[in-house]
Protein backbone atom coordinates (compact mmCIF):
# COMPACT_ATOMS: atom_id res chain seq x y z
CA UNK A 1 0.00 0.00 0.00
CA UNK A 2 1.32 3.45 -0.91
CA UNK A 3 1.74 6.12 1.72
CA UNK A 4 -0.01 9.44 1.18
CA UNK A 5 2.50 12.11 0.26
CA UNK A 6 2.88 14.99 2.74
CA UNK A 7 0.81 18.13 2.06
CA UNK A 8 3.79 20.29 1.04
CA UNK A 9 4.91 17.72 -1.50
CA UNK A 10 1.38 17.35 -2.91
CA UNK A 11 1.11 21.13 -3.24
CA UNK A 12 4.51 21.43 -4.93
CA UNK A 13 3.65 18.63 -7.35
CA UNK A 14 0.35 20.38 -8.13
CA UNK A 15 2.25 23.58 -8.94
CA UNK A 16 4.50 21.62 -11.30
CA UNK A 17 1.48 20.15 -13.03
CA UNK A 18 -0.25 23.52 -13.31
CA UNK A 19 2.89 24.95 -14.94
CA UNK A 20 3.35 22.03 -17.30
CA UNK A 21 6.58 20.96 -15.56
CA UNK A 22 7.51 17.30 -15.05
CA UNK A 23 7.36 16.63 -11.30
CA UNK A 24 10.22 14.15 -11.05
CA UNK A 25 12.67 15.48 -13.63
CA UNK A 26 15.95 16.36 -11.96
CA UNK A 27 16.52 20.08 -11.47
CA UNK A 28 19.74 21.07 -9.73
CA UNK A 29 20.13 17.46 -8.61
CA UNK A 30 16.69 17.18 -6.98
CA UNK A 31 13.18 16.38 -8.27
CA UNK A 32 11.58 19.41 -9.94
CA UNK A 33 8.75 19.58 -7.40
CA UNK A 34 11.25 20.26 -4.58
CA UNK A 35 12.28 23.50 -6.28
CA UNK A 36 8.76 24.83 -5.65
CA UNK A 37 8.66 24.17 -1.90
CA UNK A 38 9.61 27.77 -1.05
CA UNK A 39 6.55 29.04 -2.91
CA UNK A 40 4.37 26.39 -1.27
CA UNK A 41 5.64 27.39 2.17
CA UNK A 42 4.92 31.08 1.55
CA UNK A 43 1.32 30.31 0.61
CA UNK A 44 0.73 27.81 3.39
CA UNK A 45 2.17 30.11 6.06
CA UNK A 46 -0.15 32.89 4.86
CA UNK A 47 -3.20 30.64 4.67
CA UNK A 48 -2.82 28.56 7.84
CA UNK A 49 -2.76 29.36 11.52
CA UNK A 50 0.62 28.89 13.23
CA UNK A 51 -0.73 25.69 14.79
CA UNK A 52 -1.87 24.30 11.42
CA UNK A 53 1.48 25.23 9.85
CA UNK A 54 3.35 23.44 12.65
CA UNK A 55 1.20 20.34 12.10
CA UNK A 56 1.87 20.39 8.34
CA UNK A 57 5.61 20.77 8.93
CA UNK A 58 5.48 17.90 11.42
CA UNK A 59 3.71 15.64 8.90
CA UNK A 60 6.33 16.52 6.32
CA UNK A 61 9.22 15.67 8.65
CA UNK A 62 7.67 12.34 9.60
CA UNK A 63 7.87 11.29 5.93
CA UNK A 64 11.63 11.96 5.63
PDB file of N, CA and C in Angstrom:
ATOM      1  N   UNK A   1       0.847  -1.192   0.000  1.00  0.00           N
ATOM      2  CA  UNK A   1       0.000   0.000   0.000  1.00  0.00           C
ATOM      3  C   UNK A   1       0.888   1.249   0.000  1.00  0.00           C
ATOM      4  N   UNK A   2       0.549   2.211  -0.817  1.00  0.00           N
ATOM      5  CA  UNK A   2       1.322   3.453  -0.914  1.00  0.00           C
ATOM      6  C   UNK A   2       0.957   4.416   0.199  1.00  0.00           C
ATOM      7  N   UNK A   3       1.980   5.077   0.723  1.00  0.00           N
ATOM      8  CA  UNK A   3       1.740   6.122   1.724  1.00  0.00           C
ATOM      9  C   UNK A   3       1.254   7.381   1.014  1.00  0.00           C
ATOM     10  N   UNK A   4       0.411   8.140   1.694  1.00  0.00           N
ATOM     11  CA  UNK A   4      -0.007   9.437   1.175  1.00  0.00           C
ATOM     12  C   UNK A   4       1.167  10.390   1.290  1.00  0.00           C
ATOM     13  N   UNK A   5       1.401  11.135   0.240  1.00  0.00           N
ATOM     14  CA  UNK A   5       2.495  12.111   0.262  1.00  0.00           C
ATOM     15  C   UNK A   5       2.144  13.249   1.218  1.00  0.00           C
ATOM     16  N   UNK A   6       3.148  13.868   1.830  1.00  0.00           N
ATOM     17  CA  UNK A   6       2.884  14.991   2.738  1.00  0.00           C
ATOM     18  C   UNK A   6       2.251  16.169   1.984  1.00  0.00           C
ATOM     19  N   UNK A   7       1.506  17.015   2.694  1.00  0.00           N
ATOM     20  CA  UNK A   7       0.807  18.133   2.057  1.00  0.00           C
ATOM     21  C   UNK A   7       1.715  19.070   1.251  1.00  0.00           C
ATOM     22  N   UNK A   8       2.882  19.379   1.773  1.00  0.00           N
ATOM     23  CA  UNK A   8       3.789  20.291   1.041  1.00  0.00           C
ATOM     24  C   UNK A   8       4.223  19.671  -0.281  1.00  0.00           C
ATOM     25  N   UNK A   9       4.509  18.395  -0.268  1.00  0.00           N
ATOM     26  CA  UNK A   9       4.906  17.715  -1.504  1.00  0.00           C
ATOM     27  C   UNK A   9       3.744  17.692  -2.494  1.00  0.00           C
ATOM     28  N   UNK A  10       2.547  17.364  -2.013  1.00  0.00           N
ATOM     29  CA  UNK A  10       1.380  17.346  -2.911  1.00  0.00           C
ATOM     30  C   UNK A  10       1.147  18.715  -3.530  1.00  0.00           C
ATOM     31  N   UNK A  11       1.297  19.771  -2.721  1.00  0.00           N
ATOM     32  CA  UNK A  11       1.107  21.132  -3.235  1.00  0.00           C
ATOM     33  C   UNK A  11       2.173  21.484  -4.268  1.00  0.00           C
ATOM     34  N   UNK A  12       3.421  21.130  -3.994  1.00  0.00           N
ATOM     35  CA  UNK A  12       4.505  21.430  -4.929  1.00  0.00           C
ATOM     36  C   UNK A  12       4.326  20.657  -6.235  1.00  0.00           C
ATOM     37  N   UNK A  13       3.901  19.420  -6.139  1.00  0.00           N
ATOM     38  CA  UNK A  13       3.647  18.628  -7.345  1.00  0.00           C
ATOM     39  C   UNK A  13       2.493  19.243  -8.147  1.00  0.00           C
ATOM     40  N   UNK A  14       1.472  19.739  -7.447  1.00  0.00           N
ATOM     41  CA  UNK A  14       0.350  20.381  -8.128  1.00  0.00           C
ATOM     42  C   UNK A  14       0.805  21.639  -8.865  1.00  0.00           C
ATOM     43  N   UNK A  15       1.709  22.406  -8.246  1.00  0.00           N
ATOM     44  CA  UNK A  15       2.255  23.584  -8.937  1.00  0.00           C
ATOM     45  C   UNK A  15       3.006  23.170 -10.196  1.00  0.00           C
ATOM     46  N   UNK A  16       3.795  22.118 -10.107  1.00  0.00           N
ATOM     47  CA  UNK A  16       4.497  21.622 -11.299  1.00  0.00           C
ATOM     48  C   UNK A  16       3.497  21.311 -12.402  1.00  0.00           C
ATOM     49  N   UNK A  17       2.484  20.537 -12.050  1.00  0.00           N
ATOM     50  CA  UNK A  17       1.482  20.145 -13.030  1.00  0.00           C
ATOM     51  C   UNK A  17       0.802  21.358 -13.646  1.00  0.00           C
ATOM     52  N   UNK A  18       0.460  22.331 -12.801  1.00  0.00           N
ATOM     53  CA  UNK A  18      -0.246  23.522 -13.309  1.00  0.00           C
ATOM     54  C   UNK A  18       0.631  24.344 -14.248  1.00  0.00           C
ATOM     55  N   UNK A  19       1.940  24.207 -14.103  1.00  0.00           N
ATOM     56  CA  UNK A  19       2.886  24.949 -14.943  1.00  0.00           C
ATOM     57  C   UNK A  19       3.417  24.117 -16.107  1.00  0.00           C
ATOM     58  N   UNK A  20       2.918  22.900 -16.220  1.00  0.00           N
ATOM     59  CA  UNK A  20       3.354  22.030 -17.299  1.00  0.00           C
ATOM     60  C   UNK A  20       4.767  21.510 -17.113  1.00  0.00           C
ATOM     61  N   UNK A  21       5.228  21.446 -15.862  1.00  0.00           N
ATOM     62  CA  UNK A  21       6.580  20.961 -15.564  1.00  0.00           C
ATOM     63  C   UNK A  21       6.515  19.509 -15.116  1.00  0.00           C
ATOM     64  N   UNK A  22       7.483  18.693 -15.515  1.00  0.00           N
ATOM     65  CA  UNK A  22       7.513  17.303 -15.046  1.00  0.00           C
ATOM     66  C   UNK A  22       7.934  17.253 -13.575  1.00  0.00           C
ATOM     67  N   UNK A  23       7.132  16.629 -12.751  1.00  0.00           N
ATOM     68  CA  UNK A  23       7.356  16.627 -11.303  1.00  0.00           C
ATOM     69  C   UNK A  23       8.689  16.008 -10.887  1.00  0.00           C
ATOM     70  N   UNK A  24       9.063  14.924 -11.516  1.00  0.00           N
ATOM     71  CA  UNK A  24      10.219  14.148 -11.049  1.00  0.00           C
ATOM     72  C   UNK A  24      11.492  14.358 -11.852  1.00  0.00           C
ATOM     73  N   UNK A  25      11.450  15.186 -12.889  1.00  0.00           N
ATOM     74  CA  UNK A  25      12.671  15.480 -13.633  1.00  0.00           C
ATOM     75  C   UNK A  25      13.666  16.135 -12.695  1.00  0.00           C
ATOM     76  N   UNK A  26      14.921  15.778 -12.828  1.00  0.00           N
ATOM     77  CA  UNK A  26      15.947  16.360 -11.957  1.00  0.00           C
ATOM     78  C   UNK A  26      16.206  17.813 -12.337  1.00  0.00           C
ATOM     79  N   UNK A  27      16.218  18.664 -11.323  1.00  0.00           N
ATOM     80  CA  UNK A  27      16.524  20.083 -11.469  1.00  0.00           C
ATOM     81  C   UNK A  27      17.491  20.420 -10.346  1.00  0.00           C
ATOM     82  N   UNK A  28      18.689  20.797 -10.712  1.00  0.00           N
ATOM     83  CA  UNK A  28      19.738  21.072  -9.730  1.00  0.00           C
ATOM     84  C   UNK A  28      19.941  19.883  -8.789  1.00  0.00           C
ATOM     85  N   UNK A  29      19.867  18.678  -9.358  1.00  0.00           N
ATOM     86  CA  UNK A  29      20.133  17.464  -8.607  1.00  0.00           C
ATOM     87  C   UNK A  29      18.984  16.928  -7.772  1.00  0.00           C
ATOM     88  N   UNK A  30      17.846  17.591  -7.778  1.00  0.00           N
ATOM     89  CA  UNK A  30      16.686  17.182  -6.979  1.00  0.00           C
ATOM     90  C   UNK A  30      15.460  17.093  -7.890  1.00  0.00           C
ATOM     91  N   UNK A  31      14.399  16.394  -7.467  1.00  0.00           N
ATOM     92  CA  UNK A  31      13.178  16.375  -8.267  1.00  0.00           C
ATOM     93  C   UNK A  31      12.633  17.802  -8.444  1.00  0.00           C
ATOM     94  N   UNK A  32      12.090  18.070  -9.606  1.00  0.00           N
ATOM     95  CA  UNK A  32      11.578  19.408  -9.938  1.00  0.00           C
ATOM     96  C   UNK A  32      10.627  19.944  -8.874  1.00  0.00           C
ATOM     97  N   UNK A  33       9.738  19.087  -8.356  1.00  0.00           N
ATOM     98  CA  UNK A  33       8.751  19.575  -7.396  1.00  0.00           C
ATOM     99  C   UNK A  33       9.403  20.202  -6.160  1.00  0.00           C
ATOM    100  N   UNK A  34      10.587  19.712  -5.768  1.00  0.00           N
ATOM    101  CA  UNK A  34      11.247  20.264  -4.582  1.00  0.00           C
ATOM    102  C   UNK A  34      11.670  21.715  -4.783  1.00  0.00           C
ATOM    103  N   UNK A  35      11.885  22.119  -6.013  1.00  0.00           N
ATOM    104  CA  UNK A  35      12.283  23.504  -6.280  1.00  0.00           C
ATOM    105  C   UNK A  35      11.136  24.480  -6.034  1.00  0.00           C
ATOM    106  N   UNK A  36       9.926  23.971  -5.874  1.00  0.00           N
ATOM    107  CA  UNK A  36       8.762  24.832  -5.651  1.00  0.00           C
ATOM    108  C   UNK A  36       8.326  24.879  -4.190  1.00  0.00           C
ATOM    109  N   UNK A  37       9.055  24.205  -3.308  1.00  0.00           N
ATOM    110  CA  UNK A  37       8.660  24.175  -1.899  1.00  0.00           C
ATOM    111  C   UNK A  37       8.676  25.556  -1.243  1.00  0.00           C
ATOM    112  N   UNK A  38       9.582  26.425  -1.630  1.00  0.00           N
ATOM    113  CA  UNK A  38       9.605  27.767  -1.048  1.00  0.00           C
ATOM    114  C   UNK A  38       8.289  28.495  -1.332  1.00  0.00           C
ATOM    115  N   UNK A  39       7.818  28.402  -2.568  1.00  0.00           N
ATOM    116  CA  UNK A  39       6.546  29.037  -2.911  1.00  0.00           C
ATOM    117  C   UNK A  39       5.396  28.408  -2.139  1.00  0.00           C
ATOM    118  N   UNK A  40       5.402  27.093  -2.038  1.00  0.00           N
ATOM    119  CA  UNK A  40       4.367  26.389  -1.274  1.00  0.00           C
ATOM    120  C   UNK A  40       4.369  26.874   0.168  1.00  0.00           C
ATOM    121  N   UNK A  41       5.547  26.961   0.774  1.00  0.00           N
ATOM    122  CA  UNK A  41       5.645  27.392   2.168  1.00  0.00           C
ATOM    123  C   UNK A  41       5.117  28.806   2.369  1.00  0.00           C
ATOM    124  N   UNK A  42       5.412  29.695   1.443  1.00  0.00           N
ATOM    125  CA  UNK A  42       4.923  31.075   1.546  1.00  0.00           C
ATOM    126  C   UNK A  42       3.403  31.096   1.581  1.00  0.00           C
ATOM    127  N   UNK A  43       2.784  30.340   0.692  1.00  0.00           N
ATOM    128  CA  UNK A  43       1.322  30.311   0.614  1.00  0.00           C
ATOM    129  C   UNK A  43       0.723  29.640   1.846  1.00  0.00           C
ATOM    130  N   UNK A  44       1.287  28.508   2.242  1.00  0.00           N
ATOM    131  CA  UNK A  44       0.730  27.805   3.394  1.00  0.00           C
ATOM    132  C   UNK A  44       0.859  28.616   4.678  1.00  0.00           C
ATOM    133  N   UNK A  45       1.992  29.272   4.864  1.00  0.00           N
ATOM    134  CA  UNK A  45       2.168  30.106   6.059  1.00  0.00           C
ATOM    135  C   UNK A  45       1.154  31.241   6.094  1.00  0.00           C
ATOM    136  N   UNK A  46       0.833  31.794   4.929  1.00  0.00           N
ATOM    137  CA  UNK A  46      -0.146  32.888   4.864  1.00  0.00           C
ATOM    138  C   UNK A  46      -1.568  32.380   5.077  1.00  0.00           C
ATOM    139  N   UNK A  47      -1.835  31.158   4.636  1.00  0.00           N
ATOM    140  CA  UNK A  47      -3.205  30.641   4.672  1.00  0.00           C
ATOM    141  C   UNK A  47      -3.557  29.929   5.976  1.00  0.00           C
ATOM    142  N   UNK A  48      -2.561  29.384   6.664  1.00  0.00           N
ATOM    143  CA  UNK A  48      -2.818  28.559   7.844  1.00  0.00           C
ATOM    144  C   UNK A  48      -2.514  29.307   9.135  1.00  0.00           C
ATOM    145  N   UNK A  49      -3.118  28.834  10.204  1.00  0.00           N
ATOM    146  CA  UNK A  49      -2.761  29.355  11.521  1.00  0.00           C
ATOM    147  C   UNK A  49      -1.372  28.806  11.873  1.00  0.00           C
ATOM    148  N   UNK A  50      -0.682  29.433  12.819  1.00  0.00           N
ATOM    149  CA  UNK A  50       0.617  28.891  13.228  1.00  0.00           C
ATOM    150  C   UNK A  50       0.535  27.424  13.681  1.00  0.00           C
ATOM    151  N   UNK A  51      -0.558  27.062  14.327  1.00  0.00           N
ATOM    152  CA  UNK A  51      -0.727  25.687  14.785  1.00  0.00           C
ATOM    153  C   UNK A  51      -0.880  24.730  13.606  1.00  0.00           C
ATOM    154  N   UNK A  52      -1.686  25.138  12.612  1.00  0.00           N
ATOM    155  CA  UNK A  52      -1.865  24.298  11.423  1.00  0.00           C
ATOM    156  C   UNK A  52      -0.549  24.157  10.661  1.00  0.00           C
ATOM    157  N   UNK A  53       0.201  25.270  10.544  1.00  0.00           N
ATOM    158  CA  UNK A  53       1.479  25.231   9.849  1.00  0.00           C
ATOM    159  C   UNK A  53       2.447  24.272  10.563  1.00  0.00           C
ATOM    160  N   UNK A  54       2.484  24.330  11.888  1.00  0.00           N
ATOM    161  CA  UNK A  54       3.354  23.443  12.654  1.00  0.00           C
ATOM    162  C   UNK A  54       2.964  21.980  12.425  1.00  0.00           C
ATOM    163  N   UNK A  55       1.674  21.705  12.351  1.00  0.00           N
ATOM    164  CA  UNK A  55       1.202  20.338  12.102  1.00  0.00           C
ATOM    165  C   UNK A  55       1.631  19.867  10.712  1.00  0.00           C
ATOM    166  N   UNK A  56       1.474  20.727   9.715  1.00  0.00           N
ATOM    167  CA  UNK A  56       1.869  20.388   8.338  1.00  0.00           C
ATOM    168  C   UNK A  56       3.371  20.109   8.287  1.00  0.00           C
ATOM    169  N   UNK A  57       4.153  20.958   8.916  1.00  0.00           N
ATOM    170  CA  UNK A  57       5.608  20.765   8.934  1.00  0.00           C
ATOM    171  C   UNK A  57       5.961  19.448   9.636  1.00  0.00           C
ATOM    172  N   UNK A  58       5.244  19.145  10.709  1.00  0.00           N
ATOM    173  CA  UNK A  58       5.480  17.902  11.421  1.00  0.00           C
ATOM    174  C   UNK A  58       5.156  16.673  10.578  1.00  0.00           C
ATOM    175  N   UNK A  59       4.065  16.738   9.805  1.00  0.00           N
ATOM    176  CA  UNK A  59       3.713  15.644   8.904  1.00  0.00           C
ATOM    177  C   UNK A  59       4.793  15.457   7.868  1.00  0.00           C
ATOM    178  N   UNK A  60       5.314  16.570   7.353  1.00  0.00           N
ATOM    179  CA  UNK A  60       6.331  16.519   6.321  1.00  0.00           C
ATOM    180  C   UNK A  60       7.600  15.856   6.857  1.00  0.00           C
ATOM    181  N   UNK A  61       8.004  16.221   8.062  1.00  0.00           N
ATOM    182  CA  UNK A  61       9.221  15.674   8.650  1.00  0.00           C
ATOM    183  C   UNK A  61       9.088  14.200   8.985  1.00  0.00           C
ATOM    184  N   UNK A  62       7.864  13.751   9.279  1.00  0.00           N
ATOM    185  CA  UNK A  62       7.671  12.337   9.599  1.00  0.00           C
ATOM    186  C   UNK A  62       7.773  11.452   8.367  1.00  0.00           C
ATOM    187  N   UNK A  63       7.736  12.053   7.169  1.00  0.00           N
ATOM    188  CA  UNK A  63       7.871  11.293   5.926  1.00  0.00           C
ATOM    189  C   UNK A  63       9.309  11.211   5.438  1.00  0.00           C
ATOM    190  N   UNK A  64      10.231  11.951   6.068  1.00  0.00           N
ATOM    191  CA  UNK A  64      11.634  11.956   5.628  1.00  0.00           C
ATOM    192  C   UNK A  64      12.322  10.644   5.886  1.00  0.00           C
TER     193      UNK A  64
END
